[in-house]
């Protein structure tokens, strides 16, 4: 296997007397879907926030492309190729899908119109359409506000936006939690498309069957530490649950 793209070593995070992470480790490799699982309170969210620049570790080391790195903010992590899609999606409901893809990164017209702040909407729509086509995202319409789209289509727009601006790693926090069966299948297909586009995906989920269906590798956390690693093809739901609840250190090498 190639060297890790993103790696955390011995990450700790304390909030006063409460220790959320007690020496957590994770390695994310190019071109894979890595599932990060664990019971509530296992430390998954805290670790993801640290790896995406939303929080700072108390101690430990983060490496990107093999080099030590420290993220000052989510924007800093995004500039280095790392993006996160949280459950709230952070979409602007009154804007179109294309406008959401360029939210905060709007393109302006050339010349005087650009200096006056006029947006280059045709180019943004074209580039958004190219991104949707590249990932196989099919929307009911790309001209309507996000609020009028289904939950699955809104999730697809959020993932497509992350993959547009992150060229290394995309973290997905429970991307199918509020979706029906058909919408879930489409979002999982999109997750595979992101991986196939060369971007590593870290999937945080409580849905064990989905994890085994879509992930290449599974990292299990318990009480602020990684306790097991499985190749998804070699694991069962019972094995994952046992590792989550008992903290079994047994690993199946990825």
Foldseek 3Di string as FASTA:
>chain_A
DDAFQKKWFQFWADDVPRTLAGTAIDGFHKLFEEEEEFDPSLNPVVVVCQLQANDPTPDTFMDGPRHTDGRPHNVSSLQVQEEEQAPVLPADQQDFLLCRLCPVPFAADPDPRRVVPHTPVVVSVVVSVVLCVLLVQDFPDRHGGNNPGDLLNSLLSSVSSSLVRGQEEYEYEASCVPHDDVSVVVVLSSVSSSSVVTYYYYYYDPDLVSCLVRGQKYFYGGSNYTQEIEGSVVDDPVRNVCCNPVSHNDYDDD
